[in-house]
Amino acid sequence: MESVLKSTIFKENTLIKTYTKDFKTTILQENVKEVNSNGIKGLIKGIQLDGVYINVHDIYVEDSYYMDVVHDFPFFKLHFEIQGSSNYTPHNTLSLPVYIPDGHFNLFYFPEVKGRLSYETTRRKTLEIKFTERYIKKIIGKDFKNVLSEFGQSVLKRKPYKMWNDSIPISVDLQIIINKIISCNYPPDIKKAFLESQVTELLTILFAKIVSKDIENNIRQLAREELMKIKKVETYIKQNIRKKITISELASVGGLNTSKLKYDFKRVFSTTIFKYITKLRMEEAQKLIIDHNYTITQASYEVGYKNPQHFTVAFKKMYGYLPSDLNKLKLV
């Protein structure tokens, strides 16, 4: 993967950055550089984790400048302008501009990047997290394109996406996590585990907001009576998570025919009934294994699986790793 940056701030006006495919690495790789040239002074840091590349800028700039940028790979980015501002203008009119003012942030995906970045402020402090589709699957599961409805479908159809049309202010909760990432000075092995946990927390918070936003949009389109029926079905599912549940059984609970039930349920939860049930079961199993020291066999029975092997297959399909790997989280 390659990025080409052109600007008068670089020697020979061009900087070419190369990355491993999907930002793959087995170790933490960190590059810290103090700069004092071409009107820019400060610290620039790059950190590569498996599937993630973190950039931290803490610089002073004598004058505004611009940078022409081209990436030859699908571009996923979470960008925080702690101080300063950035403005991306695409050359392709089918893409989207992204303006992030002082103290704001945004999350976006572009299937291709070719445009101009403009920086108008003399002080810039940023945290920029680039990630990949592979990393999203690691966090959300292989079905993320359905779970993260609008965002997921944009990735599926290779359409540009940004979480907010206008970037929003950085909340106190997010700022706390940002500060932990920027100031982390643990030894490499511990630092790797710590940064991975913080990046995952940031992205999980924002992906949850995407799901909430999709659900809110769909809920608004449902009449109150129809919504109450779906909520009744949801409650029944949660109360009977250990049992085998059928569509006809749920249709009877909600007072709907099966087709109407499946259609309205997906509008509210952005997924099918059986995928929703599986998700609840896997989340409950995770809690039992991590927080209550259940064995995989015990946890699988508790969430309705008679055969632990079937549970393991379903878990691996959803999360991309085995339930036995959860034991490693207890040690982090």
C-alpha atoms as a PDB file:
ATOM      1  CA  MET A   1       0.000   0.000   0.000  1.00  0.00           C
ATOM      2  CA  GLU A   2       1.343   3.416  -0.918  1.00  0.00           C
ATOM      3  CA  SER A   3       0.605   7.072  -0.214  1.00  0.00           C
ATOM      4  CA  VAL A   4       2.040   9.900  -2.308  1.00  0.00           C
ATOM      5  CA  LEU A   5       2.104  13.351  -0.691  1.00  0.00           C
ATOM      6  CA  LYS A   6       3.151  16.479  -2.580  1.00  0.00           C
ATOM      7  CA  SER A   7       3.840  19.783  -0.850  1.00  0.00           C
ATOM      8  CA  THR A   8       6.473  22.499  -0.566  1.00  0.00           C
ATOM      9  CA  ILE A   9       7.082  21.369   3.034  1.00  0.00           C
ATOM     10  CA  PHE A  10       8.857  18.228   1.756  1.00  0.00           C
ATOM     11  CA  LYS A  11      12.325  17.948   0.290  1.00  0.00           C
ATOM     12  CA  GLU A  12      11.983  17.648  -3.492  1.00  0.00           C
ATOM     13  CA  ASN A  13       8.288  18.460  -2.875  1.00  0.00           C
ATOM     14  CA  THR A  14       7.238  14.782  -2.704  1.00  0.00           C
ATOM     15  CA  LEU A  15       7.003  12.212   0.089  1.00  0.00           C
ATOM     16  CA  ILE A  16       6.146   8.576  -0.651  1.00  0.00           C
ATOM     17  CA  LYS A  17       4.999   6.381   2.240  1.00  0.00           C
ATOM     18  CA  THR A  18       4.692   2.606   1.905  1.00  0.00           C
ATOM     19  CA  TYR A  19       2.782   0.316   4.256  1.00  0.00           C
ATOM     20  CA  THR A  20       2.426  -3.432   4.629  1.00  0.00           C
ATOM     21  CA  LYS A  21      -0.771  -4.887   3.137  1.00  0.00           C
ATOM     22  CA  ASP A  22      -3.709  -4.210   5.480  1.00  0.00           C
ATOM     23  CA  PHE A  23      -1.187  -2.679   7.935  1.00  0.00           C
ATOM     24  CA  LYS A  24      -0.251  -6.224   8.951  1.00  0.00           C
ATOM     25  CA  THR A  25       2.451  -6.610  11.603  1.00  0.00           C
ATOM     26  CA  THR A  26       3.200  -8.958  14.481  1.00  0.00           C
ATOM     27  CA  ILE A  27       5.036  -6.329  16.534  1.00  0.00           C
ATOM     28  CA  LEU A  28       4.530  -2.690  17.443  1.00  0.00           C
ATOM     29  CA  GLN A  29       6.471  -0.438  15.068  1.00  0.00           C
ATOM     30  CA  GLU A  30       7.042   3.158  16.120  1.00  0.00           C
ATOM     31  CA  ASN A  31       8.736   6.082  14.420  1.00  0.00           C
ATOM     32  CA  VAL A  32       9.172   9.353  16.328  1.00  0.00           C
ATOM     33  CA  LYS A  33      10.609  12.324  14.467  1.00  0.00           C
ATOM     34  CA  GLU A  34      11.416  15.829  15.618  1.00  0.00           C
ATOM     35  CA  VAL A  35      11.051  18.296  12.744  1.00  0.00           C
ATOM     36  CA  ASN A  36      12.351  21.826  12.332  1.00  0.00           C
ATOM     37  CA  SER A  37      12.364  22.771   8.665  1.00  0.00           C
ATOM     38  CA  ASN A  38      10.329  24.528   5.985  1.00  0.00           C
ATOM     39  CA  GLY A  39       8.418  26.501   8.594  1.00  0.00           C
ATOM     40  CA  ILE A  40       7.291  23.465  10.609  1.00  0.00           C
ATOM     41  CA  LYS A  41       8.580  22.680  14.093  1.00  0.00           C
ATOM     42  CA  GLY A  42       7.505  19.964  16.511  1.00  0.00           C
ATOM     43  CA  LEU A  43       6.966  16.232  16.912  1.00  0.00           C
ATOM     44  CA  ILE A  44       5.494  13.729  14.448  1.00  0.00           C
ATOM     45  CA  LYS A  45       4.882  10.160  15.553  1.00  0.00           C
ATOM     46  CA  GLY A  46       3.811   7.083  13.577  1.00  0.00           C
ATOM     47  CA  ILE A  47       2.777   3.829  15.265  1.00  0.00           C
ATOM     48  CA  GLN A  48       1.797   0.651  13.438  1.00  0.00           C
ATOM     49  CA  LEU A  49      -0.261  -2.029  15.141  1.00  0.00           C
ATOM     50  CA  ASP A  50      -1.747  -5.054  13.413  1.00  0.00           C
ATOM     51  CA  GLY A  51      -4.381  -3.570  11.096  1.00  0.00           C
ATOM     52  CA  VAL A  52      -3.986  -0.010  12.373  1.00  0.00           C
ATOM     53  CA  TYR A  53      -1.684   2.935  11.707  1.00  0.00           C
ATOM     54  CA  ILE A  54      -1.675   5.804  14.211  1.00  0.00           C
ATOM     55  CA  ASN A  55      -0.339   9.283  13.442  1.00  0.00           C
ATOM     56  CA  VAL A  56       0.213  11.902  16.136  1.00  0.00           C
ATOM     57  CA  HIS A  57       1.141  15.471  15.165  1.00  0.00           C
ATOM     58  CA  ASP A  58       2.166  18.108  17.693  1.00  0.00           C
ATOM     59  CA  ILE A  59       3.556  20.931  15.551  1.00  0.00           C
ATOM     60  CA  TYR A  60       3.789  24.673  15.059  1.00  0.00           C
ATOM     61  CA  VAL A  61       3.524  26.067  11.539  1.00  0.00           C
ATOM     62  CA  GLU A  62       4.744  29.477  10.370  1.00  0.00           C
ATOM     63  CA  ASP A  63       2.168  29.754   7.630  1.00  0.00           C
ATOM     64  CA  SER A  64      -0.781  27.898   6.138  1.00  0.00           C
ATOM     65  CA  TYR A  65       0.082  25.157   3.654  1.00  0.00           C
ATOM     66  CA  TYR A  66      -1.516  22.489   1.485  1.00  0.00           C
ATOM     67  CA  MET A  67      -0.729  18.936   0.507  1.00  0.00           C
ATOM     68  CA  ASP A  68      -1.842  16.980  -2.566  1.00  0.00           C
ATOM     69  CA  VAL A  69      -2.500  13.397  -1.540  1.00  0.00           C
ATOM     70  CA  VAL A  70      -3.102  10.076  -3.324  1.00  0.00           C
ATOM     71  CA  HIS A  71      -3.656   6.718  -1.589  1.00  0.00           C
ATOM     72  CA  ASP A  72      -3.714   3.531  -3.675  1.00  0.00           C
ATOM     73  CA  PHE A  73      -5.809   1.638  -1.107  1.00  0.00           C
ATOM     74  CA  PRO A  74      -9.331   1.929   0.412  1.00  0.00           C
ATOM     75  CA  PHE A  75      -9.054   4.573   3.110  1.00  0.00           C
ATOM     76  CA  PHE A  76     -10.673   4.217   6.548  1.00  0.00           C
ATOM     77  CA  LYS A  77      -9.850   6.979   9.010  1.00  0.00           C
ATOM     78  CA  LEU A  78     -10.813   8.351  12.410  1.00  0.00           C
ATOM     79  CA  HIS A  79      -9.419  11.899  12.619  1.00  0.00           C
ATOM     80  CA  PHE A  80      -9.262  14.130  15.702  1.00  0.00           C
ATOM     81  CA  GLU A  81      -8.179  17.777  15.340  1.00  0.00           C
ATOM     82  CA  ILE A  82      -7.363  18.476  18.988  1.00  0.00           C
ATOM     83  CA  GLN A  83      -5.910  21.837  17.997  1.00  0.00           C
ATOM     84  CA  GLY A  84      -5.889  23.321  14.518  1.00  0.00           C
ATOM     85  CA  SER A  85      -7.944  22.338  11.493  1.00  0.00           C
ATOM     86  CA  SER A  86      -7.793  20.318   8.281  1.00  0.00           C
ATOM     87  CA  ASN A  87      -9.802  20.518   5.083  1.00  0.00           C
ATOM     88  CA  TYR A  88      -9.863  17.770   2.432  1.00  0.00           C
ATOM     89  CA  THR A  89     -11.130  18.649  -1.047  1.00  0.00           C
ATOM     90  CA  PRO A  90     -11.403  15.678  -3.442  1.00  0.00           C
ATOM     91  CA  HIS A  91     -10.499  15.996  -7.111  1.00  0.00           C
ATOM     92  CA  ASN A  92     -13.248  13.476  -7.857  1.00  0.00           C
ATOM     93  CA  THR A  93     -16.636  15.228  -7.676  1.00  0.00           C
ATOM     94  CA  LEU A  94     -18.301  11.927  -6.691  1.00  0.00           C
ATOM     95  CA  SER A  95     -16.280  11.824  -3.478  1.00  0.00           C
ATOM     96  CA  LEU A  96     -16.884  13.887  -0.314  1.00  0.00           C
ATOM     97  CA  PRO A  97     -15.086  16.873   1.228  1.00  0.00           C
ATOM     98  CA  VAL A  98     -14.115  16.624   4.903  1.00  0.00           C
ATOM     99  CA  TYR A  99     -13.569  19.734   7.021  1.00  0.00           C
ATOM    100  CA  ILE A 100     -12.499  19.220  10.637  1.00  0.00           C
ATOM    101  CA  PRO A 101     -12.154  22.433  12.683  1.00  0.00           C
ATOM    102  CA  ASP A 102     -10.387  22.962  16.000  1.00  0.00           C
ATOM    103  CA  GLY A 103     -11.574  20.557  18.718  1.00  0.00           C
ATOM    104  CA  HIS A 104     -13.654  18.418  16.327  1.00  0.00           C
ATOM    105  CA  PHE A 105     -13.466  14.963  14.742  1.00  0.00           C
ATOM    106  CA  ASN A 106     -14.980  12.706  12.109  1.00  0.00           C
ATOM    107  CA  LEU A 107     -14.849   9.123  10.856  1.00  0.00           C
ATOM    108  CA  PHE A 108     -14.884   8.442   7.133  1.00  0.00           C
ATOM    109  CA  TYR A 109     -14.297   5.888   4.388  1.00  0.00           C
ATOM    110  CA  PHE A 110     -13.189   6.613   0.814  1.00  0.00           C
ATOM    111  CA  PRO A 111     -12.735   3.800  -1.722  1.00  0.00           C
ATOM    112  CA  GLU A 112     -10.113   6.018  -3.351  1.00  0.00           C
ATOM    113  CA  VAL A 113      -8.305   9.175  -2.277  1.00  0.00           C
ATOM    114  CA  LYS A 114      -7.023  11.799  -4.662  1.00  0.00           C
ATOM    115  CA  GLY A 115      -7.346  15.380  -3.535  1.00  0.00           C
ATOM    116  CA  ARG A 116      -5.918  18.299  -1.578  1.00  0.00           C
ATOM    117  CA  LEU A 117      -5.480  18.743   2.164  1.00  0.00           C
ATOM    118  CA  SER A 118      -5.357  22.357   3.352  1.00  0.00           C
ATOM    119  CA  TYR A 119      -4.102  23.497   6.751  1.00  0.00           C
ATOM    120  CA  GLU A 120      -4.878  27.075   7.774  1.00  0.00           C
ATOM    121  CA  THR A 121      -3.757  27.243  11.421  1.00  0.00           C
ATOM    122  CA  THR A 122      -0.309  27.813  12.925  1.00  0.00           C
ATOM    123  CA  ARG A 123      -0.799  25.199  15.679  1.00  0.00           C
ATOM    124  CA  ARG A 124      -1.763  21.596  14.980  1.00  0.00           C
ATOM    125  CA  LYS A 125      -2.215  18.776  17.450  1.00  0.00           C
ATOM    126  CA  THR A 126      -3.920  15.717  15.996  1.00  0.00           C
ATOM    127  CA  LEU A 127      -4.606  12.036  16.477  1.00  0.00           C
ATOM    128  CA  GLU A 128      -5.269  10.208  13.217  1.00  0.00           C
ATOM    129  CA  ILE A 129      -6.129   6.515  13.153  1.00  0.00           C
ATOM    130  CA  LYS A 130      -6.085   4.691   9.815  1.00  0.00           C
ATOM    131  CA  PHE A 131      -7.522   1.179   9.765  1.00  0.00           C
ATOM    132  CA  THR A 132      -8.710  -1.480   7.331  1.00  0.00           C
ATOM    133  CA  GLU A 133     -11.745  -3.575   6.489  1.00  0.00           C
ATOM    134  CA  ARG A 134      -9.905  -6.527   8.003  1.00  0.00           C
ATOM    135  CA  TYR A 135      -9.640  -4.653  11.308  1.00  0.00           C
ATOM    136  CA  ILE A 136     -13.371  -3.853  11.322  1.00  0.00           C
ATOM    137  CA  LYS A 137     -14.110  -7.559  10.886  1.00  0.00           C
ATOM    138  CA  LYS A 138     -11.831  -8.261  13.840  1.00  0.00           C
ATOM    139  CA  ILE A 139     -13.857  -5.887  16.056  1.00  0.00           C
ATOM    140  CA  ILE A 140     -17.419  -6.287  14.782  1.00  0.00           C
ATOM    141  CA  GLY A 141     -17.339  -9.637  12.991  1.00  0.00           C
ATOM    142  CA  LYS A 142     -17.531 -10.714   9.375  1.00  0.00           C
ATOM    143  CA  ASP A 143     -21.132  -9.516   9.098  1.00  0.00           C
ATOM    144  CA  PHE A 144     -20.195  -5.878   9.775  1.00  0.00           C
ATOM    145  CA  LYS A 145     -21.586  -4.723   6.405  1.00  0.00           C
ATOM    146  CA  ASN A 146     -25.066  -5.591   7.664  1.00  0.00           C
ATOM    147  CA  VAL A 147     -24.509  -4.683  11.320  1.00  0.00           C
ATOM    148  CA  LEU A 148     -23.166  -1.208  10.481  1.00  0.00           C
ATOM    149  CA  SER A 149     -25.972  -0.589   8.036  1.00  0.00           C
ATOM    150  CA  GLU A 150     -25.226   2.684   6.201  1.00  0.00           C
ATOM    151  CA  PHE A 151     -21.468   2.536   6.747  1.00  0.00           C
ATOM    152  CA  GLY A 152     -21.321  -1.182   5.951  1.00  0.00           C
ATOM    153  CA  GLN A 153     -23.332  -0.801   2.766  1.00  0.00           C
ATOM    154  CA  SER A 154     -21.086   2.069   1.667  1.00  0.00           C
ATOM    155  CA  VAL A 155     -18.077  -0.231   2.025  1.00  0.00           C
ATOM    156  CA  LEU A 156     -19.906  -3.018   0.176  1.00  0.00           C
ATOM    157  CA  LYS A 157     -20.835  -0.702  -2.709  1.00  0.00           C
ATOM    158  CA  ARG A 158     -17.546   1.239  -2.584  1.00  0.00           C
ATOM    159  CA  LYS A 159     -19.318   4.535  -1.949  1.00  0.00           C
ATOM    160  CA  PRO A 160     -17.692   7.398   0.012  1.00  0.00           C
ATOM    161  CA  TYR A 161     -18.998   7.758   3.565  1.00  0.00           C
ATOM    162  CA  LYS A 162     -18.506  10.141   6.457  1.00  0.00           C
ATOM    163  CA  MET A 163     -20.152   9.674   9.816  1.00  0.00           C
ATOM    164  CA  TRP A 164     -21.270  13.288  10.094  1.00  0.00           C
ATOM    165  CA  ASN A 165     -21.776  15.828   7.309  1.00  0.00           C
ATOM    166  CA  ASP A 166     -20.333  18.423   9.690  1.00  0.00           C
ATOM    167  CA  SER A 167     -17.595  17.217  12.029  1.00  0.00           C
ATOM    168  CA  ILE A 168     -18.631  17.228  15.693  1.00  0.00           C
ATOM    169  CA  PRO A 169     -16.876  18.384  18.900  1.00  0.00           C
ATOM    170  CA  ILE A 170     -14.606  15.948  20.736  1.00  0.00           C
ATOM    171  CA  SER A 171     -16.425  14.832  23.904  1.00  0.00           C
ATOM    172  CA  VAL A 172     -14.771  14.619  27.316  1.00  0.00           C
ATOM    173  CA  ASP A 173     -15.010  10.803  27.270  1.00  0.00           C
ATOM    174  CA  LEU A 174     -13.269  10.592  23.896  1.00  0.00           C
ATOM    175  CA  GLN A 175     -10.638  13.130  24.938  1.00  0.00           C
ATOM    176  CA  ILE A 176      -9.687  10.913  27.891  1.00  0.00           C
ATOM    177  CA  ILE A 177      -9.019   7.964  25.563  1.00  0.00           C
ATOM    178  CA  ILE A 178      -7.166  10.221  23.104  1.00  0.00           C
ATOM    179  CA  ASN A 179      -4.883  11.467  25.878  1.00  0.00           C
ATOM    180  CA  LYS A 180      -4.129   7.883  26.939  1.00  0.00           C
ATOM    181  CA  ILE A 181      -3.102   6.990  23.383  1.00  0.00           C
ATOM    182  CA  ILE A 182      -0.956  10.088  22.851  1.00  0.00           C
ATOM    183  CA  SER A 183       0.821   9.930  26.217  1.00  0.00           C
ATOM    184  CA  CYS A 184       1.341   6.146  26.421  1.00  0.00           C
ATOM    185  CA  ASN A 185       4.979   5.363  27.282  1.00  0.00           C
ATOM    186  CA  TYR A 186       4.802   1.705  28.323  1.00  0.00           C
ATOM    187  CA  PRO A 187       7.468  -0.811  27.209  1.00  0.00           C
ATOM    188  CA  PRO A 188       6.799  -2.099  23.639  1.00  0.00           C
ATOM    189  CA  ASP A 189       4.956  -5.353  24.477  1.00  0.00           C
ATOM    190  CA  ILE A 190       2.661  -3.718  27.024  1.00  0.00           C
ATOM    191  CA  LYS A 191       2.278  -0.629  24.855  1.00  0.00           C
ATOM    192  CA  LYS A 192       1.093  -2.758  21.934  1.00  0.00           C
ATOM    193  CA  ALA A 193      -1.639  -4.422  24.015  1.00  0.00           C
ATOM    194  CA  PHE A 194      -2.636  -1.123  25.627  1.00  0.00           C
ATOM    195  CA  LEU A 195      -2.889   0.851  22.374  1.00  0.00           C
ATOM    196  CA  GLU A 196      -4.829  -1.952  20.682  1.00  0.00           C
ATOM    197  CA  SER A 197      -7.347  -1.895  23.544  1.00  0.00           C
ATOM    198  CA  GLN A 198      -7.729   1.906  23.382  1.00  0.00           C
ATOM    199  CA  VAL A 199      -8.121   2.019  19.589  1.00  0.00           C
ATOM    200  CA  THR A 200     -10.668  -0.795  19.772  1.00  0.00           C
ATOM    201  CA  GLU A 201     -12.569   1.107  22.471  1.00  0.00           C
ATOM    202  CA  LEU A 202     -12.636   4.295  20.367  1.00  0.00           C
ATOM    203  CA  LEU A 203     -13.865   2.523  17.247  1.00  0.00           C
ATOM    204  CA  THR A 204     -16.382   0.417  19.174  1.00  0.00           C
ATOM    205  CA  ILE A 205     -17.898   3.564  20.709  1.00  0.00           C
ATOM    206  CA  LEU A 206     -18.260   5.163  17.279  1.00  0.00           C
ATOM    207  CA  PHE A 207     -19.524   2.015  15.559  1.00  0.00           C
ATOM    208  CA  ALA A 208     -22.168   1.775  18.299  1.00  0.00           C
ATOM    209  CA  LYS A 209     -23.195   5.347  17.436  1.00  0.00           C
ATOM    210  CA  ILE A 210     -23.524   4.343  13.777  1.00  0.00           C
ATOM    211  CA  VAL A 211     -25.816   1.457  14.731  1.00  0.00           C
ATOM    212  CA  SER A 212     -27.862   3.731  17.028  1.00  0.00           C
ATOM    213  CA  LYS A 213     -28.218   6.308  14.274  1.00  0.00           C
ATOM    214  CA  ASP A 214     -29.391   3.666  11.784  1.00  0.00           C
ATOM    215  CA  ILE A 215     -31.868   2.256  14.303  1.00  0.00           C
ATOM    216  CA  GLU A 216     -33.247   5.712  15.124  1.00  0.00           C
ATOM    217  CA  ASN A 217     -33.795   6.448  11.431  1.00  0.00           C
ATOM    218  CA  ASN A 218     -35.643   3.166  10.932  1.00  0.00           C
ATOM    219  CA  ILE A 219     -37.676   3.502  14.128  1.00  0.00           C
ATOM    220  CA  ARG A 220     -38.966   6.926  13.066  1.00  0.00           C
ATOM    221  CA  GLN A 221     -40.507   5.279  10.022  1.00  0.00           C
ATOM    222  CA  LEU A 222     -42.507   2.768  12.098  1.00  0.00           C
ATOM    223  CA  ALA A 223     -45.881   3.501  13.643  1.00  0.00           C
ATOM    224  CA  ARG A 224     -45.885   3.338  17.454  1.00  0.00           C
ATOM    225  CA  GLU A 225     -48.121   0.243  17.500  1.00  0.00           C
ATOM    226  CA  GLU A 226     -45.818  -1.612  15.088  1.00  0.00           C
ATOM    227  CA  LEU A 227     -42.763  -0.620  17.093  1.00  0.00           C
ATOM    228  CA  MET A 228     -44.312  -1.881  20.339  1.00  0.00           C
ATOM    229  CA  LYS A 229     -44.889  -5.265  18.712  1.00  0.00           C
ATOM    230  CA  ILE A 230     -41.235  -5.521  17.710  1.00  0.00           C
ATOM    231  CA  LYS A 231     -40.120  -4.422  21.185  1.00  0.00           C
ATOM    232  CA  LYS A 232     -42.339  -7.143  22.655  1.00  0.00           C
ATOM    233  CA  VAL A 233     -40.611  -9.691  20.427  1.00  0.00           C
ATOM    234  CA  GLU A 234     -37.197  -8.374  21.499  1.00  0.00           C
ATOM    235  CA  THR A 235     -38.107  -8.751  25.185  1.00  0.00           C
ATOM    236  CA  TYR A 236     -39.292 -12.315  24.586  1.00  0.00           C
ATOM    237  CA  ILE A 237     -36.022 -13.190  22.842  1.00  0.00           C
ATOM    238  CA  LYS A 238     -33.937 -11.841  25.737  1.00  0.00           C
ATOM    239  CA  GLN A 239     -36.020 -13.723  28.306  1.00  0.00           C
ATOM    240  CA  ASN A 240     -35.721 -17.002  26.395  1.00  0.00           C
ATOM    241  CA  ILE A 241     -32.173 -16.781  25.076  1.00  0.00           C
ATOM    242  CA  ARG A 242     -31.355 -20.335  26.267  1.00  0.00           C
ATOM    243  CA  LYS A 243     -34.271 -21.877  24.371  1.00  0.00           C
ATOM    244  CA  LYS A 244     -34.678 -22.757  20.730  1.00  0.00           C
ATOM    245  CA  ILE A 245     -36.803 -19.940  19.276  1.00  0.00           C
ATOM    246  CA  THR A 246     -38.717 -20.150  15.998  1.00  0.00           C
ATOM    247  CA  ILE A 247     -39.969 -17.394  13.694  1.00  0.00           C
ATOM    248  CA  SER A 248     -43.557 -18.631  13.974  1.00  0.00           C
ATOM    249  CA  GLU A 249     -43.272 -18.532  17.773  1.00  0.00           C
ATOM    250  CA  LEU A 250     -42.064 -14.908  17.652  1.00  0.00           C
ATOM    251  CA  ALA A 251     -44.754 -13.967  15.146  1.00  0.00           C
ATOM    252  CA  SER A 252     -47.355 -15.248  17.592  1.00  0.00           C
ATOM    253  CA  VAL A 253     -45.780 -13.234  20.437  1.00  0.00           C
ATOM    254  CA  GLY A 254     -45.828 -10.040  18.384  1.00  0.00           C
ATOM    255  CA  GLY A 255     -49.209 -10.587  16.781  1.00  0.00           C
ATOM    256  CA  LEU A 256     -47.715 -10.350  13.282  1.00  0.00           C
ATOM    257  CA  ASN A 257     -47.453 -12.648  10.313  1.00  0.00           C
ATOM    258  CA  THR A 258     -43.953 -14.022   9.732  1.00  0.00           C
ATOM    259  CA  SER A 259     -43.179 -11.844   6.691  1.00  0.00           C
ATOM    260  CA  LYS A 260     -44.200  -8.631   8.461  1.00  0.00           C
ATOM    261  CA  LEU A 261     -42.237  -9.656  11.555  1.00  0.00           C
ATOM    262  CA  LYS A 262     -39.022 -10.297   9.625  1.00  0.00           C
ATOM    263  CA  TYR A 263     -39.367  -7.067   7.633  1.00  0.00           C
ATOM    264  CA  ASP A 264     -40.078  -4.784  10.613  1.00  0.00           C
ATOM    265  CA  PHE A 265     -37.500  -6.474  12.836  1.00  0.00           C
ATOM    266  CA  LYS A 266     -34.764  -5.803  10.297  1.00  0.00           C
ATOM    267  CA  ARG A 267     -35.871  -2.163   9.959  1.00  0.00           C
ATOM    268  CA  VAL A 268     -35.488  -1.656  13.700  1.00  0.00           C
ATOM    269  CA  PHE A 269     -32.327  -3.683  14.378  1.00  0.00           C
ATOM    270  CA  SER A 270     -30.600  -3.615  10.965  1.00  0.00           C
ATOM    271  CA  THR A 271     -30.141  -7.384  11.015  1.00  0.00           C
ATOM    272  CA  THR A 272     -32.158 -10.589  10.732  1.00  0.00           C
ATOM    273  CA  ILE A 273     -33.862 -12.206  13.713  1.00  0.00           C
ATOM    274  CA  PHE A 274     -31.546 -15.201  13.831  1.00  0.00           C
ATOM    275  CA  LYS A 275     -28.411 -13.067  13.509  1.00  0.00           C
ATOM    276  CA  TYR A 276     -29.715 -10.885  16.335  1.00  0.00           C
ATOM    277  CA  ILE A 277     -30.333 -13.937  18.533  1.00  0.00           C
ATOM    278  CA  THR A 278     -26.863 -15.287  17.734  1.00  0.00           C
ATOM    279  CA  LYS A 279     -25.301 -11.917  18.577  1.00  0.00           C
ATOM    280  CA  LEU A 280     -27.052 -11.836  21.978  1.00  0.00           C
ATOM    281  CA  ARG A 281     -25.926 -15.375  22.716  1.00  0.00           C
ATOM    282  CA  MET A 282     -22.313 -14.646  21.785  1.00  0.00           C
ATOM    283  CA  GLU A 283     -22.227 -11.450  23.859  1.00  0.00           C
ATOM    284  CA  GLU A 284     -23.629 -13.295  26.885  1.00  0.00           C
ATOM    285  CA  ALA A 285     -21.148 -16.142  26.394  1.00  0.00           C
ATOM    286  CA  GLN A 286     -18.262 -13.658  26.268  1.00  0.00           C
ATOM    287  CA  LYS A 287     -19.323 -12.184  29.620  1.00  0.00           C
ATOM    288  CA  LEU A 288     -19.618 -15.631  31.195  1.00  0.00           C
ATOM    289  CA  ILE A 289     -16.162 -16.704  30.003  1.00  0.00           C
ATOM    290  CA  ILE A 290     -14.301 -13.448  30.735  1.00  0.00           C
ATOM    291  CA  ASP A 291     -16.097 -12.130  33.822  1.00  0.00           C
ATOM    292  CA  HIS A 292     -17.320 -15.317  35.502  1.00  0.00           C
ATOM    293  CA  ASN A 293     -14.625 -17.853  34.488  1.00  0.00           C
ATOM    294  CA  TYR A 294     -17.065 -20.228  32.773  1.00  0.00           C
ATOM    295  CA  THR A 295     -15.548 -22.904  30.572  1.00  0.00           C
ATOM    296  CA  ILE A 296     -16.478 -22.839  26.899  1.00  0.00           C
ATOM    297  CA  THR A 297     -18.687 -25.891  27.450  1.00  0.00           C
ATOM    298  CA  GLN A 298     -20.494 -24.277  30.390  1.00  0.00           C
ATOM    299  CA  ALA A 299     -20.980 -20.996  28.537  1.00  0.00           C
ATOM    300  CA  SER A 300     -22.294 -22.723  25.415  1.00  0.00           C
ATOM    301  CA  TYR A 301     -24.967 -24.564  27.442  1.00  0.00           C
ATOM    302  CA  GLU A 302     -25.955 -21.355  29.247  1.00  0.00           C
ATOM    303  CA  VAL A 303     -26.712 -19.591  25.957  1.00  0.00           C
ATOM    304  CA  GLY A 304     -28.674 -22.427  24.393  1.00  0.00           C
ATOM    305  CA  TYR A 305     -26.140 -24.607  22.575  1.00  0.00           C
ATOM    306  CA  LYS A 306     -26.361 -28.330  23.322  1.00  0.00           C
ATOM    307  CA  ASN A 307     -23.155 -28.987  21.384  1.00  0.00           C
ATOM    308  CA  PRO A 308     -20.093 -26.872  22.346  1.00  0.00           C
ATOM    309  CA  GLN A 309     -18.583 -27.480  18.901  1.00  0.00           C
ATOM    310  CA  HIS A 310     -21.581 -25.818  17.237  1.00  0.00           C
ATOM    311  CA  PHE A 311     -21.115 -22.888  19.617  1.00  0.00           C
ATOM    312  CA  THR A 312     -17.418 -22.632  18.741  1.00  0.00           C
ATOM    313  CA  VAL A 313     -18.184 -22.613  15.004  1.00  0.00           C
ATOM    314  CA  ALA A 314     -20.837 -19.897  15.432  1.00  0.00           C
ATOM    315  CA  PHE A 315     -18.515 -17.826  17.636  1.00  0.00           C
ATOM    316  CA  LYS A 316     -15.628 -18.061  15.150  1.00  0.00           C
ATOM    317  CA  LYS A 317     -17.939 -17.131  12.283  1.00  0.00           C
ATOM    318  CA  MET A 318     -19.115 -13.989  14.093  1.00  0.00           C
ATOM    319  CA  TYR A 319     -15.853 -12.715  15.590  1.00  0.00           C
ATOM    320  CA  GLY A 320     -13.163 -14.278  13.428  1.00  0.00           C
ATOM    321  CA  TYR A 321     -11.389 -15.913  16.389  1.00  0.00           C
ATOM    322  CA  LEU A 322     -12.035 -18.853  18.735  1.00  0.00           C
ATOM    323  CA  PRO A 323     -13.775 -18.525  22.117  1.00  0.00           C
ATOM    324  CA  SER A 324     -10.653 -20.064  23.679  1.00  0.00           C
ATOM    325  CA  ASP A 325      -8.807 -16.862  22.684  1.00  0.00           C
ATOM    326  CA  LEU A 326     -10.979 -14.953  25.170  1.00  0.00           C
ATOM    327  CA  ASN A 327      -8.844 -16.355  27.974  1.00  0.00           C
ATOM    328  CA  LYS A 328      -5.955 -14.250  26.678  1.00  0.00           C
ATOM    329  CA  LEU A 329      -7.966 -11.093  27.364  1.00  0.00           C
ATOM    330  CA  LYS A 330      -7.923 -11.907  31.070  1.00  0.00           C
ATOM    331  CA  LEU A 331      -4.163 -11.538  31.005  1.00  0.00           C
ATOM    332  CA  VAL A 332      -4.081  -8.151  29.232  1.00  0.00           C
END
